Amino acid sequence: MEQAGDFLAETEALAGLLAPLSDAAFDEATQFKGWTLNDVVRHLHFWNRAAGLQLTDEGELVRLLGAAAGGMRAVERDVVRASGQALREEWLATAGEIAALYQRADPKARLKWAGPDMSARSSITARLMETWAHGQEVYDHLGVERVDADRIKNIAHLGVSTFGWTYQVRRMELPPAVPHVRLTAPSGAIWTWGEEGAANAVTGSATEFCQVVTQVRNVSDTKLVVRGPVATQWMAMAQCFAGAAEPPPAPGTRFRRARAA
């Protein structure tokens, strides 16, 4: 699956960003709920391992998901004991193993998860999305502008396809049609979804659209052009990830910090 390679490439990019840091730097808090860099990498590593169990050991996966339901952060710390550069190396090595597993998997295979079963393609795409989204707090914390690749099309597509989920998880009435989405890719290519000329539309940078649907930026902190009441409502609460309804960050609270001299 192409998405497996994209997941690994995104992981390697983030791991490269973290490579020069001291172990002590991993204890620094980010803008995301005060999570440290250790928390971020530990979270990604734990759920990457869970994704591997989807293919290799469903019984152990069920046990792990049950434990995490009682307190995700505590279980992550209990299962993943490494920190600092040792954690980075362990996470990176495991990500390579997970990518190899999914490259050999049937994309349409139905896999067990915490919520409804999902396809193997959806599972590894979710790992790519999580890596990219949580990676943003690392780039922001370190004051580094991320240079995206067109592999984020996977995330943009997920953002559009979860339009209905955004409303469902909030128990809101679903609008009759998904807004038209027209995005400029990192390469300059144009990606579109939905009916052109629709009254509701979102236009702009693919990176900024992905930032909004993964809730690493408030839409007001982007240059996206949002037209129509449905598109406006959607972008104010878009959520492409599973779990309970989450509010986006408040305006101005997530940003790239000035880089230390």
Protein backbone atom coordinates (compact mmCIF):
# COMPACT_ATOMS: atom_id res chain seq x y z
CA MET A 1 0.00 0.00 0.00
CA GLU A 2 1.30 3.42 -0.92
CA GLN A 3 0.01 4.75 2.40
CA ALA A 4 2.40 2.47 4.30
CA GLY A 5 5.36 4.09 2.59
CA ASP A 6 3.88 7.53 3.21
CA PHE A 7 3.47 6.72 6.91
CA LEU A 8 7.11 5.66 7.17
CA ALA A 9 8.34 8.73 5.27
CA GLU A 10 6.44 11.05 7.63
CA THR A 11 7.80 9.18 10.64
CA GLU A 12 11.36 9.42 9.32
CA ALA A 13 10.97 13.17 8.73
CA LEU A 14 9.83 13.73 12.32
CA ALA A 15 12.52 11.42 13.69
CA GLY A 16 15.13 13.41 11.79
CA LEU A 17 13.85 16.62 13.37
CA LEU A 18 14.21 15.07 16.84
CA ALA A 19 17.62 13.48 16.20
CA PRO A 20 19.83 16.40 17.36
CA LEU A 21 17.99 16.94 20.66
CA SER A 22 19.37 16.09 24.08
CA ASP A 23 17.48 13.65 26.27
CA ALA A 24 16.57 16.54 28.57
CA ALA A 25 14.90 18.41 25.68
CA PHE A 26 12.36 15.61 25.37
CA ASP A 27 10.92 16.70 28.73
CA GLU A 28 9.98 20.15 27.39
CA ALA A 29 6.24 20.85 27.12
CA THR A 30 4.57 21.64 23.80
CA GLN A 31 1.52 23.79 23.07
CA PHE A 32 -0.66 20.67 22.88
CA LYS A 33 -2.23 20.19 26.32
CA GLY A 34 1.20 20.52 27.91
CA TRP A 35 2.38 17.22 26.41
CA THR A 36 6.15 16.86 26.42
CA LEU A 37 8.08 15.64 23.41
CA ASN A 38 8.41 12.33 25.26
CA ASP A 39 4.61 12.20 25.59
CA VAL A 40 4.18 12.84 21.87
CA VAL A 41 6.61 10.15 20.71
CA ARG A 42 5.40 7.67 23.34
CA HIS A 43 1.80 8.16 22.19
CA LEU A 44 2.72 7.61 18.54
CA HIS A 45 4.81 4.56 19.39
CA PHE A 46 2.10 2.94 21.52
CA TRP A 47 -0.59 3.28 18.87
CA ASN A 48 1.75 2.23 16.05
CA ARG A 49 2.33 -0.98 18.00
CA ALA A 50 -1.42 -1.37 18.41
CA ALA A 51 -1.84 -1.01 14.65
CA GLY A 52 0.69 -3.80 14.18
CA LEU A 53 -1.35 -6.03 16.50
CA GLN A 54 -4.35 -5.48 14.23
CA LEU A 55 -2.53 -7.68 11.72
CA THR A 56 -0.61 -10.04 13.99
CA ASP A 57 -2.38 -10.66 17.32
CA GLU A 58 -6.02 -9.62 17.65
CA GLY A 59 -6.28 -11.09 21.16
CA GLU A 60 -3.41 -8.96 22.47
CA LEU A 61 -4.88 -5.96 20.67
CA VAL A 62 -8.21 -6.42 22.47
CA ARG A 63 -6.39 -6.66 25.80
CA LEU A 64 -4.38 -3.52 25.10
CA LEU A 65 -7.41 -1.53 23.95
CA GLY A 66 -9.28 -2.57 27.07
CA ALA A 67 -6.43 -1.36 29.26
CA ALA A 68 -6.17 1.94 27.39
CA ALA A 69 -9.89 2.57 27.80
CA GLY A 70 -9.28 2.88 31.55
CA GLY A 71 -6.67 5.62 31.15
CA MET A 72 -4.79 6.02 27.89
CA ARG A 73 -1.88 8.15 29.07
CA ALA A 74 -1.16 5.93 32.09
CA VAL A 75 -1.15 2.80 29.96
CA GLU A 76 1.10 4.42 27.37
CA ARG A 77 3.63 5.26 30.09
CA ASP A 78 3.38 1.77 31.56
CA VAL A 79 3.86 -0.05 28.25
CA VAL A 80 6.45 2.28 26.70
CA ARG A 81 9.17 2.84 29.30
CA ALA A 82 11.89 4.40 27.14
CA SER A 83 12.43 8.16 26.89
CA GLY A 84 14.60 10.65 25.04
CA GLN A 85 16.74 9.39 22.20
CA ALA A 86 16.22 5.76 23.21
CA LEU A 87 12.48 6.27 22.74
CA ARG A 88 13.01 7.97 19.38
CA GLU A 89 15.11 5.05 18.15
CA GLU A 90 12.63 2.44 19.41
CA TRP A 91 9.68 4.28 17.83
CA LEU A 92 11.47 4.68 14.50
CA ALA A 93 12.51 1.02 14.31
CA THR A 94 9.00 -0.18 15.13
CA ALA A 95 7.48 2.17 12.56
CA GLY A 96 9.62 0.50 9.91
CA GLU A 97 8.31 -2.90 10.99
CA ILE A 98 4.70 -1.66 10.94
CA ALA A 99 5.12 -0.15 7.48
CA ALA A 100 6.49 -3.45 6.18
CA LEU A 101 3.53 -5.34 7.67
CA TYR A 102 1.03 -3.04 5.99
CA GLN A 103 2.84 -3.03 2.66
CA ARG A 104 2.17 -6.78 2.51
CA ALA A 105 -1.43 -6.56 3.79
CA ASP A 106 -4.63 -6.65 1.76
CA PRO A 107 -5.77 -2.99 1.71
CA LYS A 108 -9.40 -4.08 2.06
CA ALA A 109 -8.85 -6.49 4.96
CA ARG A 110 -11.20 -5.69 7.87
CA LEU A 111 -9.33 -5.13 11.12
CA LYS A 112 -10.57 -4.85 14.68
CA TRP A 113 -10.16 -1.51 16.47
CA ALA A 114 -11.49 0.38 19.49
CA GLY A 115 -14.52 1.55 17.50
CA PRO A 116 -15.98 -0.08 14.37
CA ASP A 117 -13.78 -2.42 12.34
CA MET A 118 -11.70 -0.64 9.73
CA SER A 119 -9.85 -1.52 6.55
CA ALA A 120 -6.09 -2.01 6.58
CA ARG A 121 -5.76 0.99 4.26
CA SER A 122 -7.76 3.15 6.69
CA SER A 123 -5.67 1.95 9.63
CA ILE A 124 -2.29 2.88 8.16
CA THR A 125 -3.72 6.15 6.81
CA ALA A 126 -4.80 6.96 10.36
CA ARG A 127 -1.24 6.31 11.56
CA LEU A 128 0.07 8.69 8.90
CA MET A 129 -2.48 11.32 9.99
CA GLU A 130 -1.61 10.94 13.69
CA THR A 131 2.12 11.16 12.98
CA TRP A 132 1.66 14.28 10.90
CA ALA A 133 -0.77 15.92 13.34
CA HIS A 134 1.23 15.25 16.51
CA GLY A 135 4.37 16.10 14.60
CA GLN A 136 3.03 19.63 14.21
CA GLU A 137 3.40 20.36 17.92
CA VAL A 138 7.03 19.25 17.68
CA TYR A 139 7.75 21.50 14.69
CA ASP A 140 5.95 24.37 16.43
CA HIS A 141 7.83 23.83 19.68
CA LEU A 142 11.21 23.77 17.96
CA GLY A 143 10.38 26.78 15.78
CA VAL A 144 10.85 24.86 12.54
CA GLU A 145 8.64 25.39 9.50
CA ARG A 146 7.64 22.01 8.12
CA VAL A 147 8.06 21.52 4.39
CA ASP A 148 5.26 19.15 3.42
CA ALA A 149 5.18 16.59 0.62
CA ASP A 150 2.20 15.52 -1.48
CA ARG A 151 1.71 12.49 0.76
CA ILE A 152 -0.53 14.77 2.84
CA LYS A 153 -3.20 14.15 0.20
CA ASN A 154 -4.05 11.09 2.29
CA ILE A 155 -4.82 13.40 5.22
CA ALA A 156 -6.76 15.88 3.10
CA HIS A 157 -8.89 13.05 1.72
CA LEU A 158 -9.50 11.79 5.24
CA GLY A 159 -10.51 15.32 6.24
CA VAL A 160 -13.12 15.47 3.49
CA SER A 161 -14.39 11.92 4.00
CA THR A 162 -14.95 12.54 7.73
CA PHE A 163 -17.27 15.50 7.08
CA GLY A 164 -20.20 13.35 8.25
CA TRP A 165 -18.26 12.07 11.27
CA THR A 166 -17.70 15.63 12.48
CA TYR A 167 -21.47 16.05 12.76
CA GLN A 168 -22.21 12.51 13.94
CA VAL A 169 -19.84 12.65 16.90
CA ARG A 170 -21.51 15.89 18.00
CA ARG A 171 -25.01 14.47 17.45
CA MET A 172 -25.80 17.26 15.03
CA GLU A 173 -27.97 17.05 11.94
CA LEU A 174 -25.90 16.21 8.89
CA PRO A 175 -26.08 18.80 6.08
CA PRO A 176 -27.26 17.38 2.73
CA ALA A 177 -24.00 17.84 0.84
CA VAL A 178 -20.27 18.02 1.52
CA PRO A 179 -18.84 21.43 0.59
CA HIS A 180 -16.64 21.68 -2.47
CA VAL A 181 -12.97 21.53 -1.47
CA ARG A 182 -10.22 22.86 -3.74
CA LEU A 183 -6.68 22.69 -2.38
CA THR A 184 -3.23 23.58 -3.63
CA ALA A 185 -0.82 20.73 -2.91
CA PRO A 186 2.77 21.28 -1.72
CA SER A 187 3.87 20.47 -5.28
CA GLY A 188 1.48 23.07 -6.73
CA ALA A 189 -0.98 20.48 -8.01
CA ILE A 190 -4.69 21.16 -7.51
CA TRP A 191 -6.78 18.65 -5.58
CA THR A 192 -10.57 18.83 -5.60
CA TRP A 193 -13.46 17.08 -3.91
CA GLY A 194 -17.19 17.63 -4.27
CA GLU A 195 -19.26 19.58 -6.75
CA GLU A 196 -17.66 22.64 -8.34
CA GLY A 197 -19.73 25.80 -8.07
CA ALA A 198 -21.38 24.65 -4.83
CA ALA A 199 -22.68 27.34 -2.51
CA ASN A 200 -20.42 25.99 0.23
CA ALA A 201 -16.71 25.69 -0.46
CA VAL A 202 -13.25 25.63 1.11
CA THR A 203 -10.30 26.81 -0.95
CA GLY A 204 -6.63 27.26 -0.19
CA SER A 205 -3.50 25.49 0.99
CA ALA A 206 -3.66 21.72 1.43
CA THR A 207 -1.34 22.03 4.42
CA GLU A 208 -3.65 24.53 6.12
CA PHE A 209 -6.71 22.41 5.38
CA CYS A 210 -4.98 19.41 6.96
CA GLN A 211 -4.04 21.56 9.96
CA VAL A 212 -7.69 22.48 10.48
CA VAL A 213 -9.20 18.99 10.10
CA THR A 214 -6.58 17.51 12.45
CA GLN A 215 -7.19 20.38 14.90
CA VAL A 216 -3.63 21.64 15.08
CA ARG A 217 -4.74 25.13 13.98
CA ASN A 218 -7.88 27.17 14.36
CA VAL A 219 -9.28 28.01 10.93
CA SER A 220 -9.04 31.73 11.78
CA ASP A 221 -5.26 31.32 12.00
CA THR A 222 -5.09 30.14 8.37
CA LYS A 223 -5.61 31.78 4.99
CA LEU A 224 -8.26 29.28 3.89
CA VAL A 225 -11.16 30.88 2.04
CA VAL A 226 -14.40 29.47 3.44
CA ARG A 227 -17.68 30.23 1.66
CA GLY A 228 -21.20 29.40 2.81
CA PRO A 229 -22.80 28.59 6.19
CA VAL A 230 -22.21 24.83 6.05
CA ALA A 231 -18.55 25.17 5.13
CA THR A 232 -18.10 27.79 7.83
CA GLN A 233 -19.71 25.57 10.45
CA TRP A 234 -17.69 22.54 9.36
CA MET A 235 -14.32 24.32 9.43
CA ALA A 236 -15.09 25.67 12.90
CA MET A 237 -15.29 22.12 14.33
CA ALA A 238 -13.80 19.73 11.74
CA GLN A 239 -12.44 16.52 13.27
CA CYS A 240 -10.90 13.79 11.14
CA PHE A 241 -9.84 11.59 14.05
CA ALA A 242 -11.82 9.08 16.11
CA GLY A 243 -12.89 9.45 19.71
CA ALA A 244 -15.18 11.88 21.47
CA ALA A 245 -15.94 15.31 20.04
CA GLU A 246 -13.00 17.65 20.55
CA PRO A 247 -13.00 21.42 20.15
CA PRO A 248 -10.31 22.93 17.92
CA PRO A 249 -7.60 25.02 19.57
CA ALA A 250 -8.60 28.57 20.40
CA PRO A 251 -7.43 31.22 17.90
CA GLY A 252 -3.80 32.15 18.35
CA THR A 253 -2.92 29.30 20.71
CA ARG A 254 -1.12 27.02 18.25
CA PHE A 255 1.72 28.60 16.28
CA ARG A 256 5.36 28.16 15.29
CA ARG A 257 7.51 29.57 18.06
CA ALA A 258 10.40 31.86 17.32
CA ARG A 259 13.47 29.70 16.94
CA ALA A 260 16.09 30.07 19.66
CA ALA A 261 19.31 31.70 18.50
